Amino acid sequence: MIFNRKINIEGFFQVSLKTIINILIIYIIIVLSLGLANTLYSVKDLFPIQNFVRGFSHVITDILSFLVILELFRSFIEYFKAKRFRLHSMVDPFIIFIVRELIVILYAQEDVNWQNLIGFSVLILTLGIVRTLAIIYSPKNGYTA
């Protein structure tokens, strides 16, 4: 008698997908919590006064890395809600990552030549233009491919 019922495959898929997404969201929360704990734990590197500059550089790098991961996971959550990729929300983590790399390089006072600075500038400008165009020509504004 149970076998005579029609199995709704699409409904089963939707329930399975919702369950998987909820598990992924819990996993993301756990990973972000561990990342925050690790970032807060890196403050211990500041206490030896003789290593303050190196410890401060390490703390800044950890904080900026955590912000990149946070933005990336925020994009994933937005994908789960919208059930589609939004180009502008996927470009945001890349822009933040590029700015993070630039800050780390400049803060570490590594030998930065003008070609690298122009490369970073062109990359950030290009990603900014792509993000702006993605917002202007968004499907919710009536533009579709």
N, C-alpha and C. Protein backbone atom coordinates (compact mmCIF):
# COMPACT_ATOMS: atom_id res chain seq x y z
N MET A 1 0.81 -1.19 0.00
CA MET A 1 0.00 0.00 0.00
C MET A 1 0.86 1.26 0.00
N ILE A 2 1.96 1.22 0.69
CA ILE A 2 2.86 2.36 0.69
C ILE A 2 3.49 2.53 -0.69
N PHE A 3 3.73 1.43 -1.39
CA PHE A 3 4.38 1.49 -2.68
C PHE A 3 3.48 2.04 -3.77
N ASN A 4 2.18 2.08 -3.54
CA ASN A 4 1.25 2.61 -4.52
C ASN A 4 1.25 4.14 -4.54
N ARG A 5 1.79 4.78 -3.51
CA ARG A 5 1.81 6.25 -3.46
C ARG A 5 2.86 6.77 -4.44
N LYS A 6 2.54 7.89 -5.03
CA LYS A 6 3.51 8.52 -5.91
C LYS A 6 4.54 9.23 -5.06
N ILE A 7 5.78 9.01 -5.39
CA ILE A 7 6.85 9.68 -4.67
C ILE A 7 7.10 11.02 -5.37
N ASN A 8 7.01 12.07 -4.60
CA ASN A 8 7.24 13.40 -5.13
C ASN A 8 8.74 13.69 -5.05
N ILE A 9 9.43 13.45 -6.15
CA ILE A 9 10.88 13.59 -6.20
C ILE A 9 11.29 15.05 -6.00
N GLU A 10 10.56 15.98 -6.60
CA GLU A 10 10.91 17.39 -6.45
C GLU A 10 10.75 17.85 -5.01
N GLY A 11 9.71 17.40 -4.35
CA GLY A 11 9.51 17.75 -2.94
C GLY A 11 10.60 17.16 -2.07
N PHE A 12 10.97 15.91 -2.37
CA PHE A 12 12.05 15.27 -1.63
C PHE A 12 13.36 16.02 -1.83
N PHE A 13 13.60 16.46 -3.06
CA PHE A 13 14.82 17.22 -3.35
C PHE A 13 14.83 18.54 -2.58
N GLN A 14 13.70 19.25 -2.55
CA GLN A 14 13.63 20.53 -1.85
C GLN A 14 13.86 20.36 -0.36
N VAL A 15 13.26 19.33 0.24
CA VAL A 15 13.45 19.07 1.67
C VAL A 15 14.91 18.69 1.95
N SER A 16 15.47 17.85 1.08
CA SER A 16 16.88 17.45 1.25
C SER A 16 17.81 18.66 1.11
N LEU A 17 17.54 19.49 0.13
CA LEU A 17 18.36 20.68 -0.08
C LEU A 17 18.28 21.63 1.11
N LYS A 18 17.08 21.82 1.64
CA LYS A 18 16.91 22.69 2.81
C LYS A 18 17.65 22.13 4.02
N THR A 19 17.61 20.82 4.19
CA THR A 19 18.33 20.17 5.30
C THR A 19 19.84 20.35 5.15
N ILE A 20 20.34 20.13 3.96
CA ILE A 20 21.78 20.28 3.71
C ILE A 20 22.21 21.73 3.94
N ILE A 21 21.42 22.68 3.48
CA ILE A 21 21.76 24.09 3.67
C ILE A 21 21.77 24.44 5.15
N ASN A 22 20.81 23.94 5.91
CA ASN A 22 20.79 24.22 7.35
C ASN A 22 22.02 23.63 8.05
N ILE A 23 22.43 22.44 7.63
CA ILE A 23 23.64 21.83 8.21
C ILE A 23 24.86 22.67 7.84
N LEU A 24 24.93 23.14 6.59
CA LEU A 24 26.05 23.99 6.18
C LEU A 24 26.08 25.30 6.95
N ILE A 25 24.93 25.88 7.22
CA ILE A 25 24.89 27.12 7.99
C ILE A 25 25.40 26.89 9.41
N ILE A 26 25.03 25.78 10.02
CA ILE A 26 25.54 25.44 11.35
C ILE A 26 27.05 25.26 11.28
N TYR A 27 27.53 24.58 10.25
CA TYR A 27 28.97 24.38 10.07
C TYR A 27 29.70 25.72 9.91
N ILE A 28 29.13 26.63 9.12
CA ILE A 28 29.73 27.95 8.92
C ILE A 28 29.79 28.71 10.25
N ILE A 29 28.75 28.62 11.05
CA ILE A 29 28.75 29.29 12.36
C ILE A 29 29.85 28.73 13.25
N ILE A 30 30.02 27.41 13.23
CA ILE A 30 31.07 26.79 14.05
C ILE A 30 32.45 27.23 13.57
N VAL A 31 32.67 27.23 12.25
CA VAL A 31 33.96 27.64 11.70
C VAL A 31 34.25 29.11 12.02
N LEU A 32 33.24 29.97 11.88
CA LEU A 32 33.43 31.39 12.21
C LEU A 32 33.72 31.58 13.69
N SER A 33 33.06 30.81 14.54
CA SER A 33 33.32 30.91 15.98
C SER A 33 34.75 30.49 16.30
N LEU A 34 35.21 29.40 15.69
CA LEU A 34 36.59 28.97 15.90
C LEU A 34 37.58 29.99 15.35
N GLY A 35 37.26 30.57 14.20
CA GLY A 35 38.12 31.60 13.63
C GLY A 35 38.20 32.83 14.50
N LEU A 36 37.07 33.22 15.08
CA LEU A 36 37.06 34.37 16.00
C LEU A 36 37.86 34.06 17.25
N ALA A 37 37.70 32.85 17.78
CA ALA A 37 38.48 32.46 18.96
C ALA A 37 39.97 32.47 18.64
N ASN A 38 40.35 31.99 17.48
CA ASN A 38 41.76 31.99 17.09
C ASN A 38 42.28 33.41 16.93
N THR A 39 41.47 34.30 16.36
CA THR A 39 41.87 35.70 16.20
C THR A 39 42.04 36.36 17.56
N LEU A 40 41.11 36.10 18.47
CA LEU A 40 41.23 36.69 19.81
C LEU A 40 42.42 36.09 20.57
N TYR A 41 42.70 34.83 20.33
CA TYR A 41 43.83 34.18 21.00
C TYR A 41 45.17 34.74 20.52
N SER A 42 45.20 35.28 19.30
CA SER A 42 46.45 35.82 18.77
C SER A 42 46.87 37.10 19.47
N VAL A 43 46.01 37.65 20.32
CA VAL A 43 46.37 38.85 21.08
C VAL A 43 47.52 38.55 22.03
N LYS A 44 47.69 37.30 22.40
CA LYS A 44 48.79 36.92 23.30
C LYS A 44 50.15 37.25 22.70
N ASP A 45 50.22 37.37 21.38
CA ASP A 45 51.48 37.71 20.72
C ASP A 45 51.91 39.14 21.00
N LEU A 46 50.99 39.98 21.49
CA LEU A 46 51.31 41.38 21.76
C LEU A 46 52.04 41.57 23.08
N PHE A 47 51.90 40.64 24.01
CA PHE A 47 52.38 40.88 25.36
C PHE A 47 53.89 40.90 25.54
N PRO A 48 54.67 40.08 24.90
CA PRO A 48 56.11 40.28 25.05
C PRO A 48 56.50 41.60 24.39
N ILE A 49 56.91 42.57 25.19
CA ILE A 49 57.17 43.92 24.69
C ILE A 49 58.25 43.91 23.60
N GLN A 50 59.26 43.05 23.73
CA GLN A 50 60.32 43.03 22.73
C GLN A 50 59.83 42.56 21.37
N ASN A 51 58.71 41.84 21.31
CA ASN A 51 58.15 41.36 20.05
C ASN A 51 56.86 42.08 19.68
N PHE A 52 56.63 43.27 20.20
CA PHE A 52 55.35 43.95 20.02
C PHE A 52 55.07 44.25 18.54
N VAL A 53 56.06 44.75 17.83
CA VAL A 53 55.84 45.12 16.42
C VAL A 53 55.51 43.89 15.59
N ARG A 54 56.26 42.81 15.77
CA ARG A 54 55.99 41.57 15.03
C ARG A 54 54.64 40.98 15.46
N GLY A 55 54.34 41.02 16.76
CA GLY A 55 53.06 40.52 17.25
C GLY A 55 51.89 41.34 16.74
N PHE A 56 52.07 42.66 16.69
CA PHE A 56 51.02 43.53 16.20
C PHE A 56 50.75 43.25 14.72
N SER A 57 51.81 43.04 13.96
CA SER A 57 51.66 42.71 12.54
C SER A 57 50.90 41.40 12.38
N HIS A 58 51.20 40.42 13.24
CA HIS A 58 50.51 39.13 13.19
C HIS A 58 49.03 39.28 13.53
N VAL A 59 48.73 40.10 14.53
CA VAL A 59 47.33 40.31 14.94
C VAL A 59 46.55 41.00 13.82
N ILE A 60 47.14 42.01 13.21
CA ILE A 60 46.47 42.72 12.11
C ILE A 60 46.20 41.75 10.95
N THR A 61 47.16 40.93 10.62
CA THR A 61 46.99 39.95 9.54
C THR A 61 45.87 38.97 9.88
N ASP A 62 45.81 38.51 11.13
CA ASP A 62 44.74 37.59 11.54
C ASP A 62 43.37 38.24 11.44
N ILE A 63 43.27 39.48 11.88
CA ILE A 63 41.98 40.18 11.84
C ILE A 63 41.53 40.38 10.39
N LEU A 64 42.44 40.81 9.53
CA LEU A 64 42.08 41.01 8.13
C LEU A 64 41.71 39.69 7.46
N SER A 65 42.41 38.62 7.77
CA SER A 65 42.07 37.30 7.21
C SER A 65 40.69 36.86 7.67
N PHE A 66 40.38 37.09 8.95
CA PHE A 66 39.07 36.73 9.48
C PHE A 66 37.96 37.52 8.76
N LEU A 67 38.21 38.79 8.48
CA LEU A 67 37.21 39.59 7.77
C LEU A 67 36.97 39.08 6.36
N VAL A 68 38.02 38.61 5.69
CA VAL A 68 37.85 38.03 4.35
C VAL A 68 37.00 36.77 4.42
N ILE A 69 37.29 35.89 5.37
CA ILE A 69 36.52 34.66 5.53
C ILE A 69 35.07 34.98 5.90
N LEU A 70 34.88 35.96 6.76
CA LEU A 70 33.53 36.37 7.16
C LEU A 70 32.73 36.84 5.95
N GLU A 71 33.34 37.65 5.10
CA GLU A 71 32.66 38.15 3.91
C GLU A 71 32.36 37.02 2.93
N LEU A 72 33.26 36.07 2.81
CA LEU A 72 33.04 34.93 1.92
C LEU A 72 31.86 34.09 2.41
N PHE A 73 31.81 33.81 3.71
CA PHE A 73 30.71 33.03 4.26
C PHE A 73 29.39 33.80 4.17
N ARG A 74 29.45 35.13 4.32
CA ARG A 74 28.24 35.94 4.17
C ARG A 74 27.69 35.81 2.75
N SER A 75 28.59 35.73 1.77
CA SER A 75 28.16 35.53 0.38
C SER A 75 27.50 34.17 0.20
N PHE A 76 28.04 33.14 0.86
CA PHE A 76 27.42 31.82 0.78
C PHE A 76 26.02 31.84 1.37
N ILE A 77 25.86 32.48 2.51
CA ILE A 77 24.54 32.56 3.15
C ILE A 77 23.56 33.30 2.25
N GLU A 78 24.03 34.37 1.60
CA GLU A 78 23.16 35.11 0.68
C GLU A 78 22.75 34.22 -0.50
N TYR A 79 23.67 33.38 -0.96
CA TYR A 79 23.34 32.43 -2.03
C TYR A 79 22.25 31.47 -1.56
N PHE A 80 22.37 30.97 -0.33
CA PHE A 80 21.39 30.04 0.19
C PHE A 80 20.01 30.69 0.26
N LYS A 81 19.96 31.97 0.62
CA LYS A 81 18.68 32.66 0.73
C LYS A 81 18.08 32.95 -0.65
N ALA A 82 18.90 33.47 -1.57
CA ALA A 82 18.41 33.88 -2.88
C ALA A 82 18.28 32.72 -3.85
N LYS A 83 18.95 31.60 -3.55
CA LYS A 83 18.97 30.42 -4.42
C LYS A 83 19.56 30.72 -5.80
N ARG A 84 20.45 31.72 -5.82
CA ARG A 84 21.20 32.02 -7.03
C ARG A 84 22.41 32.85 -6.63
N PHE A 85 23.41 32.83 -7.49
CA PHE A 85 24.60 33.63 -7.24
C PHE A 85 24.34 35.06 -7.68
N ARG A 86 24.69 35.98 -6.83
CA ARG A 86 24.65 37.39 -7.19
C ARG A 86 26.10 37.81 -7.40
N LEU A 87 26.37 38.29 -8.58
CA LEU A 87 27.74 38.60 -8.95
C LEU A 87 28.36 39.63 -7.99
N HIS A 88 27.60 40.64 -7.63
CA HIS A 88 28.18 41.67 -6.76
C HIS A 88 28.52 41.11 -5.39
N SER A 89 27.76 40.14 -4.90
CA SER A 89 28.08 39.58 -3.59
C SER A 89 29.24 38.60 -3.66
N MET A 90 29.53 38.07 -4.85
CA MET A 90 30.70 37.20 -5.01
C MET A 90 31.97 38.00 -5.27
N VAL A 91 31.84 39.22 -5.79
CA VAL A 91 33.00 40.06 -6.05
C VAL A 91 33.49 40.72 -4.76
N ASP A 92 32.58 40.98 -3.83
CA ASP A 92 32.96 41.65 -2.57
C ASP A 92 34.09 40.95 -1.83
N PRO A 93 34.03 39.62 -1.60
CA PRO A 93 35.16 38.99 -0.91
C PRO A 93 36.48 39.13 -1.65
N PHE A 94 36.44 39.12 -2.98
CA PHE A 94 37.68 39.27 -3.73
C PHE A 94 38.26 40.67 -3.57
N ILE A 95 37.40 41.68 -3.56
CA ILE A 95 37.88 43.04 -3.35
C ILE A 95 38.50 43.16 -1.96
N ILE A 96 37.82 42.60 -0.96
CA ILE A 96 38.35 42.66 0.40
C ILE A 96 39.65 41.89 0.51
N PHE A 97 39.76 40.76 -0.19
CA PHE A 97 41.00 39.98 -0.18
C PHE A 97 42.15 40.77 -0.80
N ILE A 98 41.90 41.44 -1.91
CA ILE A 98 42.94 42.23 -2.57
C ILE A 98 43.38 43.38 -1.66
N VAL A 99 42.42 44.06 -1.05
CA VAL A 99 42.76 45.15 -0.13
C VAL A 99 43.53 44.60 1.07
N ARG A 100 43.16 43.43 1.56
CA ARG A 100 43.88 42.80 2.68
C ARG A 100 45.32 42.53 2.30
N GLU A 101 45.53 41.95 1.12
CA GLU A 101 46.89 41.66 0.66
C GLU A 101 47.71 42.94 0.54
N LEU A 102 47.10 43.97 0.00
CA LEU A 102 47.79 45.25 -0.15
C LEU A 102 48.18 45.83 1.21
N ILE A 103 47.26 45.79 2.16
CA ILE A 103 47.55 46.30 3.50
C ILE A 103 48.65 45.49 4.17
N VAL A 104 48.59 44.17 4.05
CA VAL A 104 49.62 43.32 4.66
C VAL A 104 50.99 43.62 4.05
N ILE A 105 51.04 43.75 2.72
CA ILE A 105 52.32 44.03 2.06
C ILE A 105 52.85 45.39 2.48
N LEU A 106 51.97 46.39 2.50
CA LEU A 106 52.43 47.73 2.87
C LEU A 106 52.77 47.81 4.35
N TYR A 107 52.01 47.13 5.18
CA TYR A 107 52.27 47.17 6.62
C TYR A 107 53.56 46.43 6.97
N ALA A 108 53.83 45.35 6.26
CA ALA A 108 55.05 44.59 6.51
C ALA A 108 56.28 45.31 5.97
N GLN A 109 56.05 46.42 5.28
CA GLN A 109 57.12 47.24 4.71
C GLN A 109 58.03 46.43 3.81
N GLU A 110 57.41 45.53 3.08
CA GLU A 110 58.17 44.78 2.09
C GLU A 110 58.52 45.72 0.95
N ASP A 111 59.50 45.35 0.17
CA ASP A 111 59.92 46.17 -0.95
C ASP A 111 58.82 46.12 -2.02
N VAL A 112 58.07 47.20 -2.14
CA VAL A 112 56.96 47.26 -3.08
C VAL A 112 57.38 48.15 -4.24
N ASN A 113 57.35 47.61 -5.43
CA ASN A 113 57.69 48.43 -6.59
C ASN A 113 56.43 48.99 -7.22
N TRP A 114 56.61 49.93 -8.11
CA TRP A 114 55.47 50.62 -8.69
C TRP A 114 54.63 49.71 -9.56
N GLN A 115 55.24 48.67 -10.16
CA GLN A 115 54.47 47.75 -11.00
C GLN A 115 53.44 46.98 -10.17
N ASN A 116 53.83 46.57 -8.96
CA ASN A 116 52.87 45.87 -8.09
C ASN A 116 51.73 46.79 -7.67
N LEU A 117 52.05 48.03 -7.34
CA LEU A 117 51.01 48.98 -6.94
C LEU A 117 50.05 49.26 -8.09
N ILE A 118 50.57 49.39 -9.30
CA ILE A 118 49.69 49.60 -10.46
C ILE A 118 48.85 48.36 -10.71
N GLY A 119 49.44 47.18 -10.54
CA GLY A 119 48.69 45.94 -10.70
C GLY A 119 47.54 45.84 -9.71
N PHE A 120 47.81 46.15 -8.44
CA PHE A 120 46.75 46.15 -7.43
C PHE A 120 45.68 47.18 -7.78
N SER A 121 46.10 48.35 -8.22
CA SER A 121 45.14 49.41 -8.56
C SER A 121 44.24 49.00 -9.71
N VAL A 122 44.82 48.43 -10.76
CA VAL A 122 44.03 47.99 -11.91
C VAL A 122 43.06 46.88 -11.49
N LEU A 123 43.52 45.95 -10.66
CA LEU A 123 42.67 44.85 -10.21
C LEU A 123 41.49 45.36 -9.38
N ILE A 124 41.76 46.25 -8.44
CA ILE A 124 40.69 46.80 -7.60
C ILE A 124 39.72 47.63 -8.46
N LEU A 125 40.25 48.43 -9.37
CA LEU A 125 39.39 49.22 -10.25
C LEU A 125 38.51 48.32 -11.12
N THR A 126 39.09 47.28 -11.69
CA THR A 126 38.33 46.35 -12.53
C THR A 126 37.24 45.65 -11.73
N LEU A 127 37.58 45.15 -10.53
CA LEU A 127 36.57 44.49 -9.70
C LEU A 127 35.48 45.48 -9.27
N GLY A 128 35.85 46.72 -9.01
CA GLY A 128 34.86 47.74 -8.66
C GLY A 128 33.91 48.02 -9.81
N ILE A 129 34.44 48.07 -11.03
CA ILE A 129 33.60 48.30 -12.21
C ILE A 129 32.66 47.11 -12.43
N VAL A 130 33.20 45.89 -12.28
CA VAL A 130 32.36 44.68 -12.44
C VAL A 130 31.24 44.69 -11.40
N ARG A 131 31.57 45.03 -10.16
CA ARG A 131 30.56 45.06 -9.10
C ARG A 131 29.50 46.11 -9.39
N THR A 132 29.92 47.29 -9.83
CA THR A 132 28.97 48.36 -10.15
C THR A 132 28.05 47.96 -11.30
N LEU A 133 28.62 47.36 -12.34
CA LEU A 133 27.80 46.92 -13.47
C LEU A 133 26.84 45.80 -13.07
N ALA A 134 27.28 44.93 -12.17
CA ALA A 134 26.42 43.85 -11.69
C ALA A 134 25.22 44.40 -10.93
N ILE A 135 25.42 45.49 -10.20
CA ILE A 135 24.30 46.09 -9.48
C ILE A 135 23.38 46.85 -10.44
N ILE A 136 23.97 47.60 -11.36
CA ILE A 136 23.16 48.38 -12.31
C ILE A 136 22.32 47.47 -13.19
N TYR A 137 22.92 46.40 -13.70
CA TYR A 137 22.23 45.49 -14.62
C TYR A 137 21.74 44.24 -13.93
N SER A 138 21.26 44.41 -12.72
CA SER A 138 20.74 43.30 -11.93
C SER A 138 19.38 42.85 -12.48
N PRO A 139 19.07 41.56 -12.39
CA PRO A 139 17.75 41.09 -12.85
C PRO A 139 16.60 41.74 -12.11
N LYS A 140 16.80 42.15 -10.86
CA LYS A 140 15.71 42.79 -10.14
C LYS A 140 15.44 44.20 -10.66
N ASN A 141 16.37 44.75 -11.45
CA ASN A 141 16.16 46.05 -12.10
C ASN A 141 15.55 45.89 -13.49
N GLY A 142 15.18 44.68 -13.84
CA GLY A 142 14.54 44.45 -15.12
C GLY A 142 15.47 44.01 -16.22
N TYR A 143 16.74 43.86 -15.92
CA TYR A 143 17.70 43.43 -16.94
C TYR A 143 17.93 41.94 -16.81
N THR A 144 17.71 41.21 -17.89
CA THR A 144 17.97 39.77 -17.90
C THR A 144 18.76 39.44 -19.15
N ALA A 145 19.48 38.36 -19.07
CA ALA A 145 20.29 37.94 -20.21
C ALA A 145 19.46 37.25 -21.25
